[in-house]
Each structure stands twice: as structure tokens, then as C-alpha cells.
């Protein structure tokens, strides 16, 4: 009959076209979506865990502190300041002998003779602490013989940063016990402040 398709012959099998069932596609999509959500959540957690709680600031501020009365005399080279250092040295080591002392307005580094060789001690203006082995080629002298007021006069302006190296003269030092480096050169004096 015209207009109608011919029925399949018995020798030709008829196959239905394969179409994936809808539930399987939904499961795959749900698994992929879940994996993406887990990755994003893990990344967010990692970034929160590793971020700096105090991010750097681009602003700055200056704080001016006023030292207490007990430390005011060690902020400058004064007799009271060096007396406090000498007393701390005697209390810690049983002696006031040093090989050399590097004195700053508010601190000092001392090299002290010891049974196992020179030892370094650091003074912060209030406390003396042992800082390990030291080195010096100088012979010991009594730190009590160094006058803080003289150091202040040698340094000049108390606001200026100043360093004084005190130690028994070495060969070629021309008898200098105190060495004060400064902007106008190095000044070398004896323990009474006389230039050498």
C-alpha cells in the first residue's frame, strides 16, 4: 500500500536507539557540582587559615617615652651612671676589673677577665647580663677609675649619640685610655681627659 512504511522483514532485527537514562545524568552532574563546592570551600578555609591576622599597615606613628627617674642618670654620661655600672659589675663578678669597656649614653659592653678567658657582659642601664665569651688584647684595669662626668664632657651635647672605648693603652696608643670617635674625628685622652 502506498503511503505506509513497509513492515520490517523477519531477518532484520529492529534496535531501539540508545538513550542514557535521565537519572544517571543527574547523578553525574550532582557529583561534579559537589566536587566544585568542596574545592571552593577548601580553598576558602585554607585562605582564612593562612592569612595574616594583622595585615601590614601603611601608616606609622612615633611614640616618645619618658624614662623613669631611676634610669635618668644613665641616659647621659654621668658619675652616677658609671657608679651604677661599676656596682652592678661588682655584684655580678665580684670585681670591678675589666679588659675594656665600650660605653654608650644608656648602655655598655664590657669585656671582663675570667678563668676560662675573656667574657662579655652587657649593661642596659639597669641590669648587667652575661653575653658569652669575649676577646681583648688589653691588660685589666679598674673600671671604677673611669669618671662618667668626664665622659659627658668629652662627648659634648648629651643628645648626640656618643661612644667611648675605655681600656689600658696598647702599643702605639700614645697613652690613650679613652677613645671617643665623633663627627670631627677621633679624640684620644688619658683618664683625666688630657689629649694624648
C-alpha atoms as a PDB file:
ATOM      1  CA  UNK A   1       0.000   0.000   0.000  1.00  0.00           C
ATOM      2  CA  UNK A   2       1.223   3.326  -0.924  1.00  0.00           C
ATOM      3  CA  UNK A   3       1.967   5.886   1.887  1.00  0.00           C
ATOM      4  CA  UNK A   4       2.617   3.308   4.578  1.00  0.00           C
ATOM      5  CA  UNK A   5       6.027   2.073   5.589  1.00  0.00           C
ATOM      6  CA  UNK A   6       6.844  -1.467   4.908  1.00  0.00           C
ATOM      7  CA  UNK A   7       6.903  -3.667   7.981  1.00  0.00           C
ATOM      8  CA  UNK A   8      10.351  -4.987   8.861  1.00  0.00           C
ATOM      9  CA  UNK A   9      11.273  -8.236   7.423  1.00  0.00           C
ATOM     10  CA  UNK A  10      11.792 -11.066   9.865  1.00  0.00           C
ATOM     11  CA  UNK A  11      15.530 -11.273   9.002  1.00  0.00           C
ATOM     12  CA  UNK A  12      16.233  -7.636  10.010  1.00  0.00           C
ATOM     13  CA  UNK A  13      16.203  -7.083  13.755  1.00  0.00           C
ATOM     14  CA  UNK A  14      14.911  -3.788  14.940  1.00  0.00           C
ATOM     15  CA  UNK A  15      17.061  -1.913  17.515  1.00  0.00           C
ATOM     16  CA  UNK A  16      15.924   0.928  19.633  1.00  0.00           C
ATOM     17  CA  UNK A  17      18.280   3.917  19.707  1.00  0.00           C
ATOM     18  CA  UNK A  18      20.311   4.014  22.981  1.00  0.00           C
ATOM     19  CA  UNK A  19      19.475   6.941  25.184  1.00  0.00           C
ATOM     20  CA  UNK A  20      21.101   7.304  28.635  1.00  0.00           C
ATOM     21  CA  UNK A  21      18.509   7.247  31.342  1.00  0.00           C
ATOM     22  CA  UNK A  22      17.862  10.662  32.862  1.00  0.00           C
ATOM     23  CA  UNK A  23      18.650   9.674  36.497  1.00  0.00           C
ATOM     24  CA  UNK A  24      22.261   8.732  35.615  1.00  0.00           C
ATOM     25  CA  UNK A  25      22.892  12.167  34.024  1.00  0.00           C
ATOM     26  CA  UNK A  26      21.506  13.895  37.102  1.00  0.00           C
ATOM     27  CA  UNK A  27      23.791  11.872  39.423  1.00  0.00           C
ATOM     28  CA  UNK A  28      26.926  12.747  37.421  1.00  0.00           C
ATOM     29  CA  UNK A  29      26.035  16.430  37.400  1.00  0.00           C
ATOM     30  CA  UNK A  30      25.341  16.378  41.135  1.00  0.00           C
ATOM     31  CA  UNK A  31      28.713  14.688  41.829  1.00  0.00           C
ATOM     32  CA  UNK A  32      30.620  17.240  39.738  1.00  0.00           C
ATOM     33  CA  UNK A  33      28.765  20.130  41.362  1.00  0.00           C
ATOM     34  CA  UNK A  34      29.510  18.736  44.828  1.00  0.00           C
ATOM     35  CA  UNK A  35      33.219  18.384  43.993  1.00  0.00           C
ATOM     36  CA  UNK A  36      33.373  22.009  42.822  1.00  0.00           C
ATOM     37  CA  UNK A  37      31.654  23.173  46.020  1.00  0.00           C
ATOM     38  CA  UNK A  38      34.107  21.149  48.157  1.00  0.00           C
ATOM     39  CA  UNK A  39      37.100  22.615  46.284  1.00  0.00           C
ATOM     40  CA  UNK A  40      35.827  26.164  46.749  1.00  0.00           C
ATOM     41  CA  UNK A  41      35.081  25.588  50.437  1.00  0.00           C
ATOM     42  CA  UNK A  42      38.545  24.049  50.968  1.00  0.00           C
ATOM     43  CA  UNK A  43      40.225  26.982  49.216  1.00  0.00           C
ATOM     44  CA  UNK A  44      38.305  29.495  51.300  1.00  0.00           C
ATOM     45  CA  UNK A  45      39.201  27.634  54.512  1.00  0.00           C
ATOM     46  CA  UNK A  46      42.891  27.477  53.505  1.00  0.00           C
ATOM     47  CA  UNK A  47      42.985  31.191  52.711  1.00  0.00           C
ATOM     48  CA  UNK A  48      41.384  32.077  56.055  1.00  0.00           C
ATOM     49  CA  UNK A  49      43.753  29.781  57.952  1.00  0.00           C
ATOM     50  CA  UNK A  50      46.905  31.164  56.318  1.00  0.00           C
ATOM     51  CA  UNK A  51      46.094  34.860  56.164  1.00  0.00           C
ATOM     52  CA  UNK A  52      47.913  37.317  58.428  1.00  0.00           C
ATOM     53  CA  UNK A  53      45.540  38.384  61.225  1.00  0.00           C
ATOM     54  CA  UNK A  54      47.268  41.771  61.342  1.00  0.00           C
ATOM     55  CA  UNK A  55      47.925  42.817  57.763  1.00  0.00           C
ATOM     56  CA  UNK A  56      50.749  45.314  57.265  1.00  0.00           C
ATOM     57  CA  UNK A  57      49.789  48.895  57.680  1.00  0.00           C
ATOM     58  CA  UNK A  58      50.961  51.738  55.512  1.00  0.00           C
ATOM     59  CA  UNK A  59      50.733  54.229  58.335  1.00  0.00           C
ATOM     60  CA  UNK A  60      53.290  54.812  61.057  1.00  0.00           C
ATOM     61  CA  UNK A  61      53.339  56.591  64.345  1.00  0.00           C
ATOM     62  CA  UNK A  62      56.015  57.871  66.642  1.00  0.00           C
ATOM     63  CA  UNK A  63      55.865  57.266  70.371  1.00  0.00           C
ATOM     64  CA  UNK A  64      58.002  59.301  72.737  1.00  0.00           C
ATOM     65  CA  UNK A  65      58.689  57.626  76.048  1.00  0.00           C
ATOM     66  CA  UNK A  66      59.908  59.394  79.121  1.00  0.00           C
ATOM     67  CA  UNK A  67      62.355  57.361  81.166  1.00  0.00           C
ATOM     68  CA  UNK A  68      61.728  56.857  84.837  1.00  0.00           C
ATOM     69  CA  UNK A  69      63.727  58.780  87.402  1.00  0.00           C
ATOM     70  CA  UNK A  70      65.733  55.675  88.331  1.00  0.00           C
ATOM     71  CA  UNK A  71      67.239  55.445  84.837  1.00  0.00           C
ATOM     72  CA  UNK A  72      67.558  59.143  84.018  1.00  0.00           C
ATOM     73  CA  UNK A  73      71.134  59.354  85.250  1.00  0.00           C
ATOM     74  CA  UNK A  74      72.251  56.512  82.981  1.00  0.00           C
ATOM     75  CA  UNK A  75      70.776  58.171  79.917  1.00  0.00           C
ATOM     76  CA  UNK A  76      73.757  60.519  79.973  1.00  0.00           C
ATOM     77  CA  UNK A  77      77.408  60.057  80.776  1.00  0.00           C
ATOM     78  CA  UNK A  78      77.454  60.976  84.461  1.00  0.00           C
ATOM     79  CA  UNK A  79      79.353  59.866  87.533  1.00  0.00           C
ATOM     80  CA  UNK A  80      76.108  58.430  88.951  1.00  0.00           C
ATOM     81  CA  UNK A  81      75.611  56.446  85.739  1.00  0.00           C
ATOM     82  CA  UNK A  82      79.102  54.933  85.730  1.00  0.00           C
ATOM     83  CA  UNK A  83      78.895  54.295  89.501  1.00  0.00           C
ATOM     84  CA  UNK A  84      75.735  52.252  88.925  1.00  0.00           C
ATOM     85  CA  UNK A  85      77.501  50.246  86.194  1.00  0.00           C
ATOM     86  CA  UNK A  86      80.534  49.613  88.428  1.00  0.00           C
ATOM     87  CA  UNK A  87      78.278  48.487  91.323  1.00  0.00           C
ATOM     88  CA  UNK A  88      76.439  46.056  89.013  1.00  0.00           C
ATOM     89  CA  UNK A  89      79.759  44.676  87.749  1.00  0.00           C
ATOM     90  CA  UNK A  90      80.996  44.134  91.324  1.00  0.00           C
ATOM     91  CA  UNK A  91      77.707  42.397  92.260  1.00  0.00           C
ATOM     92  CA  UNK A  92      77.841  40.050  89.234  1.00  0.00           C
ATOM     93  CA  UNK A  93      81.559  39.221  89.037  1.00  0.00           C
ATOM     94  CA  UNK A  94      82.960  40.091  92.468  1.00  0.00           C
ATOM     95  CA  UNK A  95      85.383  42.568  90.884  1.00  0.00           C
ATOM     96  CA  UNK A  96      85.442  45.895  89.039  1.00  0.00           C
ATOM     97  CA  UNK A  97      88.318  44.902  86.752  1.00  0.00           C
ATOM     98  CA  UNK A  98      87.716  44.890  83.007  1.00  0.00           C
ATOM     99  CA  UNK A  99      89.860  44.444  79.919  1.00  0.00           C
ATOM    100  CA  UNK A 100      87.909  47.117  78.069  1.00  0.00           C
ATOM    101  CA  UNK A 101      84.562  48.870  78.131  1.00  0.00           C
ATOM    102  CA  UNK A 102      82.561  50.279  75.236  1.00  0.00           C
ATOM    103  CA  UNK A 103      80.256  52.876  76.781  1.00  0.00           C
ATOM    104  CA  UNK A 104      77.164  54.391  75.167  1.00  0.00           C
ATOM    105  CA  UNK A 105      74.850  57.021  76.720  1.00  0.00           C
ATOM    106  CA  UNK A 106      72.399  54.392  78.040  1.00  0.00           C
ATOM    107  CA  UNK A 107      74.261  51.085  77.788  1.00  0.00           C
ATOM    108  CA  UNK A 108      77.679  49.450  77.773  1.00  0.00           C
ATOM    109  CA  UNK A 109      79.527  46.329  76.662  1.00  0.00           C
ATOM    110  CA  UNK A 110      82.280  45.146  78.996  1.00  0.00           C
ATOM    111  CA  UNK A 111      84.988  42.565  78.360  1.00  0.00           C
ATOM    112  CA  UNK A 112      85.914  41.080  81.723  1.00  0.00           C
ATOM    113  CA  UNK A 113      88.796  38.719  82.525  1.00  0.00           C
ATOM    114  CA  UNK A 114      87.607  35.256  83.542  1.00  0.00           C
ATOM    115  CA  UNK A 115      89.115  31.869  84.452  1.00  0.00           C
ATOM    116  CA  UNK A 116      88.120  30.483  81.024  1.00  0.00           C
ATOM    117  CA  UNK A 117      89.214  33.568  79.091  1.00  0.00           C
ATOM    118  CA  UNK A 118      87.613  36.967  78.476  1.00  0.00           C
ATOM    119  CA  UNK A 119      83.840  37.187  78.980  1.00  0.00           C
ATOM    120  CA  UNK A 120      81.418  39.738  77.535  1.00  0.00           C
ATOM    121  CA  UNK A 121      78.850  41.470  79.737  1.00  0.00           C
ATOM    122  CA  UNK A 122      76.083  43.802  78.524  1.00  0.00           C
ATOM    123  CA  UNK A 123      74.609  46.672  80.564  1.00  0.00           C
ATOM    124  CA  UNK A 124      71.174  48.047  79.604  1.00  0.00           C
ATOM    125  CA  UNK A 125      71.207  50.932  82.063  1.00  0.00           C
ATOM    126  CA  UNK A 126      69.520  48.909  84.798  1.00  0.00           C
ATOM    127  CA  UNK A 127      70.831  45.353  84.585  1.00  0.00           C
ATOM    128  CA  UNK A 128      74.097  43.620  83.720  1.00  0.00           C
ATOM    129  CA  UNK A 129      73.887  40.250  81.969  1.00  0.00           C
ATOM    130  CA  UNK A 130      76.464  37.749  80.774  1.00  0.00           C
ATOM    131  CA  UNK A 131      76.601  37.635  76.956  1.00  0.00           C
ATOM    132  CA  UNK A 132      79.134  34.869  76.295  1.00  0.00           C
ATOM    133  CA  UNK A 133      82.839  34.767  75.521  1.00  0.00           C
ATOM    134  CA  UNK A 134      84.646  37.975  74.631  1.00  0.00           C
ATOM    135  CA  UNK A 135      88.006  38.980  73.200  1.00  0.00           C
ATOM    136  CA  UNK A 136      90.549  41.629  74.084  1.00  0.00           C
ATOM    137  CA  UNK A 137      94.306  42.119  73.852  1.00  0.00           C
ATOM    138  CA  UNK A 138      94.363  44.674  76.687  1.00  0.00           C
ATOM    139  CA  UNK A 139      95.547  44.225  80.263  1.00  0.00           C
ATOM    140  CA  UNK A 140      92.889  44.540  83.009  1.00  0.00           C
ATOM    141  CA  UNK A 141      92.164  47.852  84.753  1.00  0.00           C
ATOM    142  CA  UNK A 142      89.721  49.089  87.381  1.00  0.00           C
ATOM    143  CA  UNK A 143      86.542  50.432  85.753  1.00  0.00           C
ATOM    144  CA  UNK A 144      85.904  52.488  88.898  1.00  0.00           C
ATOM    145  CA  UNK A 145      88.710  54.785  87.697  1.00  0.00           C
ATOM    146  CA  UNK A 146      86.574  56.000  84.748  1.00  0.00           C
ATOM    147  CA  UNK A 147      84.639  59.179  85.580  1.00  0.00           C
ATOM    148  CA  UNK A 148      81.218  59.450  83.915  1.00  0.00           C
ATOM    149  CA  UNK A 149      81.173  63.245  84.138  1.00  0.00           C
ATOM    150  CA  UNK A 150      84.432  63.349  82.166  1.00  0.00           C
ATOM    151  CA  UNK A 151      82.847  61.087  79.520  1.00  0.00           C
ATOM    152  CA  UNK A 152      79.937  63.524  79.307  1.00  0.00           C
ATOM    153  CA  UNK A 153      82.308  66.443  78.757  1.00  0.00           C
ATOM    154  CA  UNK A 154      84.241  64.534  76.094  1.00  0.00           C
ATOM    155  CA  UNK A 155      81.021  63.687  74.266  1.00  0.00           C
ATOM    156  CA  UNK A 156      79.638  67.220  74.453  1.00  0.00           C
ATOM    157  CA  UNK A 157      75.973  67.544  73.528  1.00  0.00           C
ATOM    158  CA  UNK A 158      74.123  64.948  75.660  1.00  0.00           C
ATOM    159  CA  UNK A 159      71.525  64.429  72.935  1.00  0.00           C
ATOM    160  CA  UNK A 160      74.213  63.368  70.463  1.00  0.00           C
ATOM    161  CA  UNK A 161      74.969  59.689  70.064  1.00  0.00           C
ATOM    162  CA  UNK A 162      78.397  59.079  71.543  1.00  0.00           C
ATOM    163  CA  UNK A 163      80.628  56.094  72.082  1.00  0.00           C
ATOM    164  CA  UNK A 164      83.635  55.878  74.401  1.00  0.00           C
ATOM    165  CA  UNK A 165      86.070  52.975  74.354  1.00  0.00           C
ATOM    166  CA  UNK A 166      87.929  52.697  77.657  1.00  0.00           C
ATOM    167  CA  UNK A 167      90.915  50.423  78.061  1.00  0.00           C
ATOM    168  CA  UNK A 168      94.562  50.256  79.094  1.00  0.00           C
ATOM    169  CA  UNK A 169      96.682  51.717  76.278  1.00  0.00           C
ATOM    170  CA  UNK A 170      98.016  49.358  73.657  1.00  0.00           C
ATOM    171  CA  UNK A 171     101.384  49.804  71.982  1.00  0.00           C
ATOM    172  CA  UNK A 172     101.112  52.779  69.642  1.00  0.00           C
ATOM    173  CA  UNK A 173      98.146  54.329  71.527  1.00  0.00           C
ATOM    174  CA  UNK A 174     100.379  57.130  72.901  1.00  0.00           C
ATOM    175  CA  UNK A 175      98.997  56.527  76.394  1.00  0.00           C
ATOM    176  CA  UNK A 176      95.321  56.894  75.403  1.00  0.00           C
ATOM    177  CA  UNK A 177      92.869  55.308  77.833  1.00  0.00           C
ATOM    178  CA  UNK A 178      89.726  56.812  76.311  1.00  0.00           C
ATOM    179  CA  UNK A 179      88.886  56.848  72.612  1.00  0.00           C
ATOM    180  CA  UNK A 180      85.896  58.937  71.507  1.00  0.00           C
ATOM    181  CA  UNK A 181      85.006  58.683  67.810  1.00  0.00           C
ATOM    182  CA  UNK A 182      82.946  61.603  66.530  1.00  0.00           C
ATOM    183  CA  UNK A 183      81.978  63.649  63.515  1.00  0.00           C
ATOM    184  CA  UNK A 184      85.107  65.789  63.897  1.00  0.00           C
ATOM    185  CA  UNK A 185      87.463  62.795  64.129  1.00  0.00           C
ATOM    186  CA  UNK A 186      88.672  60.513  66.890  1.00  0.00           C
ATOM    187  CA  UNK A 187      89.652  62.070  70.227  1.00  0.00           C
ATOM    188  CA  UNK A 188      92.093  60.177  72.420  1.00  0.00           C
ATOM    189  CA  UNK A 189      92.714  61.127  76.047  1.00  0.00           C
ATOM    190  CA  UNK A 190      94.087  59.803  79.307  1.00  0.00           C
ATOM    191  CA  UNK A 191      91.761  59.044  82.249  1.00  0.00           C
ATOM    192  CA  UNK A 192      91.743  62.735  83.223  1.00  0.00           C
ATOM    193  CA  UNK A 193      90.641  63.910  79.779  1.00  0.00           C
ATOM    194  CA  UNK A 194      94.017  65.282  78.659  1.00  0.00           C
ATOM    195  CA  UNK A 195      94.620  64.790  74.938  1.00  0.00           C
ATOM    196  CA  UNK A 196      97.401  62.354  74.083  1.00  0.00           C
END
